[in-house]
Amino acid sequence: MRLNRDQILHEMGFGALWKLRSLPIAHRQENSEKAEKLSAVADTQNPGREQKIAHMDWDVLHQSISSCQACDLCKDRKQAVPGVGDRQASWLLIGEGPGVEEDAQGEPFVGQAGRLLDAMLEAIDLKRGEDVYIANAVKCRPPGNRTPDISEITTCFPYLKRQIELIRPTLIILLGRAAVQAVLGESQSLASLRGKILRYENGGQDIPVIVTYHPAYLLRNLPDKLKAWEDLCRARQRMRETA
């Protein structure tokens, strides 16, 4: 049975709908230099690796991710989790890293957090795989489902960067701090970055970026679900403005 929007919101733990006021766009973030520094560090560890990844098509990229041994995360994985969805999507959602269920199935966000993410998408009239692509900051499961560290994020970033280049999304939503560190090179708290329209430079394309909480965090911190809902409404509003 297909739920209506109010039922979806009820399942997510929301009561009455909130209507957001228009918010001003934040000043352009100077993140390109930070991204270049991260890339330079990764490339010194494996010269030429980033340049090779930068020229891969989808099939070669997935093969490279699946066989990657560039960091220690490969040692305990069952399989890498490249990403899933529409390869020409307008919406790109980026999480932190695969969990135990994702590691087993090879697809991001398939556990309890994934079900919450699907409900969040449906609440703004989106559906996994339909104009939506879902990826992670790192492609292999960190031991114990811990947050990936900065060296792991840096090593895996060329893969994520290439995915963004191939997809050329209209909007990026970052789910959690590791995703923020990977894409924006920011170490600030999520609270300080929420409520703004940030930017990611993608080969001449200026992509709006919205930061929100990871669904796994929301499962542990129910009061912040409303904040995540506000972020989704902001994202939907932004997409309507660019249509």
Protein backbone atom coordinates (compact mmCIF):
# COMPACT_ATOMS: atom_id res chain seq x y z
CA MET A 1 0.00 0.00 0.00
CA ARG A 2 1.39 3.40 -1.01
CA LEU A 3 1.40 5.95 1.81
CA ASN A 4 0.34 9.52 1.27
CA ARG A 5 2.58 12.38 2.27
CA ASP A 6 1.07 12.90 5.71
CA GLN A 7 1.43 9.19 6.47
CA ILE A 8 5.07 9.26 5.35
CA LEU A 9 5.77 12.21 7.62
CA HIS A 10 4.06 10.42 10.48
CA GLU A 11 6.32 7.41 9.91
CA MET A 12 9.31 9.73 10.04
CA GLY A 13 8.14 11.03 13.41
CA PHE A 14 6.83 14.43 12.34
CA GLY A 15 3.62 16.08 13.40
CA ALA A 16 2.24 19.16 11.68
CA LEU A 17 3.92 20.32 8.48
CA TRP A 18 6.21 23.31 8.71
CA LYS A 19 6.45 25.83 5.93
CA LEU A 20 9.89 27.34 5.45
CA ARG A 21 10.53 30.94 4.66
CA SER A 22 12.89 31.72 1.81
CA LEU A 23 16.47 31.80 2.99
CA PRO A 24 19.28 33.87 1.48
CA ILE A 25 22.05 32.04 -0.37
CA ALA A 26 25.29 31.98 1.58
CA HIS A 27 28.44 33.57 0.21
CA ARG A 28 30.50 31.31 -2.05
CA GLN A 29 32.65 28.91 -0.02
CA GLU A 30 36.36 28.81 -0.77
CA ASN A 31 36.60 25.03 -0.86
CA SER A 32 38.44 24.41 -4.12
CA GLU A 33 41.84 25.03 -2.51
CA LYS A 34 41.04 22.61 0.31
CA ALA A 35 39.99 19.96 -2.18
CA GLU A 36 43.20 20.47 -4.15
CA LYS A 37 45.28 19.99 -0.99
CA LEU A 38 43.46 16.76 -0.17
CA SER A 39 44.00 15.52 -3.72
CA ALA A 40 47.69 16.39 -3.60
CA VAL A 41 48.17 14.37 -0.41
CA ALA A 42 46.41 11.36 -1.92
CA ASP A 43 48.39 11.56 -5.14
CA THR A 44 51.75 11.59 -3.38
CA GLN A 45 50.81 8.25 -1.81
CA ASN A 46 50.05 6.71 -5.23
CA PRO A 47 51.42 8.88 -8.07
CA GLY A 48 49.13 9.10 -11.08
CA ARG A 49 46.20 7.36 -9.38
CA GLU A 50 43.98 10.43 -9.34
CA GLN A 51 44.70 11.21 -12.98
CA LYS A 52 43.78 7.66 -13.98
CA ILE A 53 40.52 7.80 -12.04
CA ALA A 54 39.70 11.21 -13.56
CA HIS A 55 39.47 9.61 -17.03
CA MET A 56 37.44 6.52 -16.13
CA ASP A 57 33.97 5.85 -17.51
CA TRP A 58 31.28 4.32 -15.31
CA ASP A 59 32.14 0.69 -15.96
CA VAL A 60 35.87 1.09 -15.42
CA LEU A 61 35.21 3.26 -12.36
CA HIS A 62 33.07 0.58 -10.73
CA GLN A 63 35.65 -2.08 -11.50
CA SER A 64 38.38 0.07 -9.98
CA ILE A 65 36.33 0.72 -6.83
CA SER A 66 35.51 -2.97 -6.46
CA SER A 67 39.17 -3.99 -6.61
CA CYS A 68 40.65 -0.97 -4.79
CA GLN A 69 43.30 -1.65 -2.14
CA ALA A 70 44.47 1.94 -1.63
CA CYS A 71 43.69 1.98 2.11
CA ASP A 72 43.20 -0.50 4.94
CA LEU A 73 39.41 -0.49 4.64
CA CYS A 74 39.73 -3.08 1.88
CA LYS A 75 41.03 -5.66 4.37
CA ASP A 76 37.75 -6.31 6.19
CA ARG A 77 35.17 -5.59 3.50
CA LYS A 78 32.97 -8.22 1.89
CA GLN A 79 32.58 -5.95 -1.11
CA ALA A 80 32.96 -2.32 -2.06
CA VAL A 81 29.83 -0.17 -2.38
CA PRO A 82 30.28 2.24 -5.32
CA GLY A 83 26.80 3.80 -5.30
CA VAL A 84 23.41 3.32 -6.86
CA GLY A 85 20.85 5.24 -8.87
CA ASP A 86 20.31 7.34 -11.95
CA ARG A 87 23.67 8.15 -13.53
CA GLN A 88 22.23 11.38 -14.95
CA ALA A 89 20.44 12.36 -11.74
CA SER A 90 19.61 15.92 -10.76
CA TRP A 91 19.85 14.94 -7.08
CA LEU A 92 23.06 13.52 -5.63
CA LEU A 93 22.97 12.34 -2.01
CA ILE A 94 26.29 11.54 -0.35
CA GLY A 95 26.56 9.67 2.94
CA GLU A 96 29.56 8.64 5.02
CA GLY A 97 30.38 4.97 4.43
CA PRO A 98 28.77 1.55 4.09
CA GLY A 99 27.48 -0.27 7.15
CA VAL A 100 27.29 -3.99 7.74
CA GLU A 101 24.13 -4.47 5.64
CA GLU A 102 25.47 -2.30 2.84
CA ASP A 103 28.73 -4.27 2.88
CA ALA A 104 26.74 -7.49 2.55
CA GLN A 105 24.45 -6.30 -0.26
CA GLY A 106 26.75 -3.93 -2.15
CA GLU A 107 24.27 -1.04 -2.12
CA PRO A 108 24.29 2.12 0.04
CA PHE A 109 21.55 2.81 2.59
CA VAL A 110 19.76 -0.55 2.65
CA GLY A 111 19.38 -1.01 6.42
CA GLN A 112 17.21 0.84 8.90
CA ALA A 113 18.89 4.14 8.03
CA GLY A 114 18.21 3.40 4.37
CA ARG A 115 14.53 2.89 5.03
CA LEU A 116 14.41 6.25 6.79
CA LEU A 117 16.23 7.87 3.86
CA ASP A 118 13.72 6.38 1.42
CA ALA A 119 10.87 7.80 3.51
CA MET A 120 12.58 11.20 3.58
CA LEU A 121 12.94 11.14 -0.21
CA GLU A 122 9.34 10.11 -0.72
CA ALA A 123 8.21 12.96 1.53
CA ILE A 124 9.59 15.42 -1.04
CA ASP A 125 8.27 13.40 -3.99
CA LEU A 126 11.51 11.62 -4.83
CA LYS A 127 12.35 7.95 -5.17
CA ARG A 128 15.61 6.04 -5.03
CA GLY A 129 16.89 5.47 -8.56
CA GLU A 130 14.59 8.01 -10.21
CA ASP A 131 16.55 11.21 -10.86
CA VAL A 132 18.44 10.39 -7.65
CA TYR A 133 21.92 8.94 -7.19
CA ILE A 134 23.19 7.82 -3.77
CA ALA A 135 26.89 7.45 -2.93
CA ASN A 136 29.20 7.58 0.07
CA ALA A 137 32.37 9.43 1.03
CA VAL A 138 34.18 6.09 1.28
CA LYS A 139 33.27 2.98 -0.66
CA CYS A 140 34.28 0.30 1.88
CA ARG A 141 32.86 -0.35 5.34
CA PRO A 142 34.90 1.08 8.22
CA PRO A 143 35.36 -1.53 10.98
CA GLY A 144 32.58 -1.45 13.56
CA ASN A 145 30.61 0.96 11.38
CA ARG A 146 32.73 3.80 12.73
CA THR A 147 32.95 7.16 10.97
CA PRO A 148 35.69 7.08 8.30
CA ASP A 149 38.80 9.03 9.21
CA ILE A 150 40.29 11.86 7.17
CA SER A 151 43.00 9.71 5.56
CA GLU A 152 40.38 7.22 4.35
CA ILE A 153 38.16 10.03 3.07
CA THR A 154 41.11 11.61 1.26
CA THR A 155 42.19 8.34 -0.35
CA CYS A 156 38.68 7.58 -1.60
CA PHE A 157 37.83 11.12 -2.72
CA PRO A 158 39.07 10.73 -6.34
CA TYR A 159 36.33 8.12 -6.84
CA LEU A 160 33.65 10.40 -5.45
CA LYS A 161 35.00 13.34 -7.42
CA ARG A 162 34.78 11.33 -10.64
CA GLN A 163 31.22 10.28 -9.83
CA ILE A 164 30.25 13.93 -9.42
CA GLU A 165 31.95 14.77 -12.73
CA LEU A 166 30.08 12.00 -14.54
CA ILE A 167 26.68 12.71 -12.99
CA ARG A 168 26.86 16.52 -13.11
CA PRO A 169 23.98 16.84 -10.60
CA THR A 170 21.91 19.96 -10.17
CA LEU A 171 22.06 19.70 -6.37
CA ILE A 172 24.17 17.81 -3.82
CA ILE A 173 22.89 16.86 -0.36
CA LEU A 174 25.57 15.89 2.15
CA LEU A 175 24.46 13.47 4.86
CA GLY A 176 26.80 13.68 7.83
CA ARG A 177 30.18 15.11 8.73
CA ALA A 178 32.32 12.70 6.69
CA ALA A 179 30.44 13.68 3.53
CA VAL A 180 31.02 17.34 4.36
CA GLN A 181 34.74 16.73 4.88
CA ALA A 182 34.99 14.84 1.60
CA VAL A 183 33.15 17.26 -0.66
CA LEU A 184 33.70 20.65 0.98
CA GLY A 185 36.88 20.04 2.95
CA GLU A 186 35.13 21.55 5.96
CA SER A 187 35.69 20.49 9.58
CA GLN A 188 32.99 22.75 11.06
CA SER A 189 30.03 21.28 12.87
CA LEU A 190 26.93 20.35 10.89
CA ALA A 191 24.94 22.81 12.99
CA SER A 192 27.10 25.68 11.72
CA LEU A 193 26.72 24.59 8.07
CA ARG A 194 23.01 23.80 8.03
CA GLY A 195 20.59 26.40 6.74
CA LYS A 196 22.97 27.62 4.04
CA ILE A 197 23.37 27.06 0.34
CA LEU A 198 27.02 26.07 -0.04
CA ARG A 199 28.90 25.45 -3.29
CA TYR A 200 30.94 22.78 -5.03
CA GLU A 201 32.95 23.59 -8.16
CA ASN A 202 32.72 20.80 -10.73
CA GLY A 203 34.76 21.62 -13.80
CA GLY A 204 33.10 24.97 -14.39
CA GLN A 205 29.74 23.81 -13.00
CA ASP A 206 28.72 25.59 -9.80
CA ILE A 207 26.67 23.05 -7.83
CA PRO A 208 24.56 24.12 -4.82
CA VAL A 209 25.19 21.99 -1.74
CA ILE A 210 22.94 21.46 1.27
CA VAL A 211 24.18 19.89 4.50
CA THR A 212 22.00 17.79 6.78
CA TYR A 213 22.19 14.94 9.28
CA HIS A 214 22.92 11.33 8.40
CA PRO A 215 19.82 9.10 8.73
CA ALA A 216 21.66 6.81 11.17
CA TYR A 217 22.22 9.83 13.43
CA LEU A 218 18.53 10.72 13.18
CA LEU A 219 17.57 7.24 14.39
CA ARG A 220 19.53 7.95 17.58
CA ASN A 221 18.51 11.60 17.91
CA LEU A 222 14.82 11.82 17.10
CA PRO A 223 14.37 15.55 17.90
CA ASP A 224 16.71 16.43 15.01
CA LYS A 225 14.37 14.80 12.48
CA LEU A 226 12.51 18.09 12.22
CA LYS A 227 15.77 19.86 11.34
CA ALA A 228 16.42 17.28 8.63
CA TRP A 229 12.91 17.86 7.29
CA GLU A 230 13.63 21.59 7.11
CA ASP A 231 16.81 20.82 5.15
CA LEU A 232 14.89 18.66 2.69
CA CYS A 233 12.30 21.40 2.21
CA ARG A 234 15.15 23.84 1.56
CA ALA A 235 16.59 21.47 -1.03
CA ARG A 236 13.23 21.08 -2.76
CA GLN A 237 12.76 24.84 -2.78
CA ARG A 238 16.20 25.31 -4.30
CA MET A 239 15.47 22.83 -7.06
CA ARG A 240 12.22 24.59 -7.87
CA GLU A 241 14.10 27.86 -8.16
CA THR A 242 16.54 26.36 -10.66
CA ALA A 243 13.87 24.59 -12.75
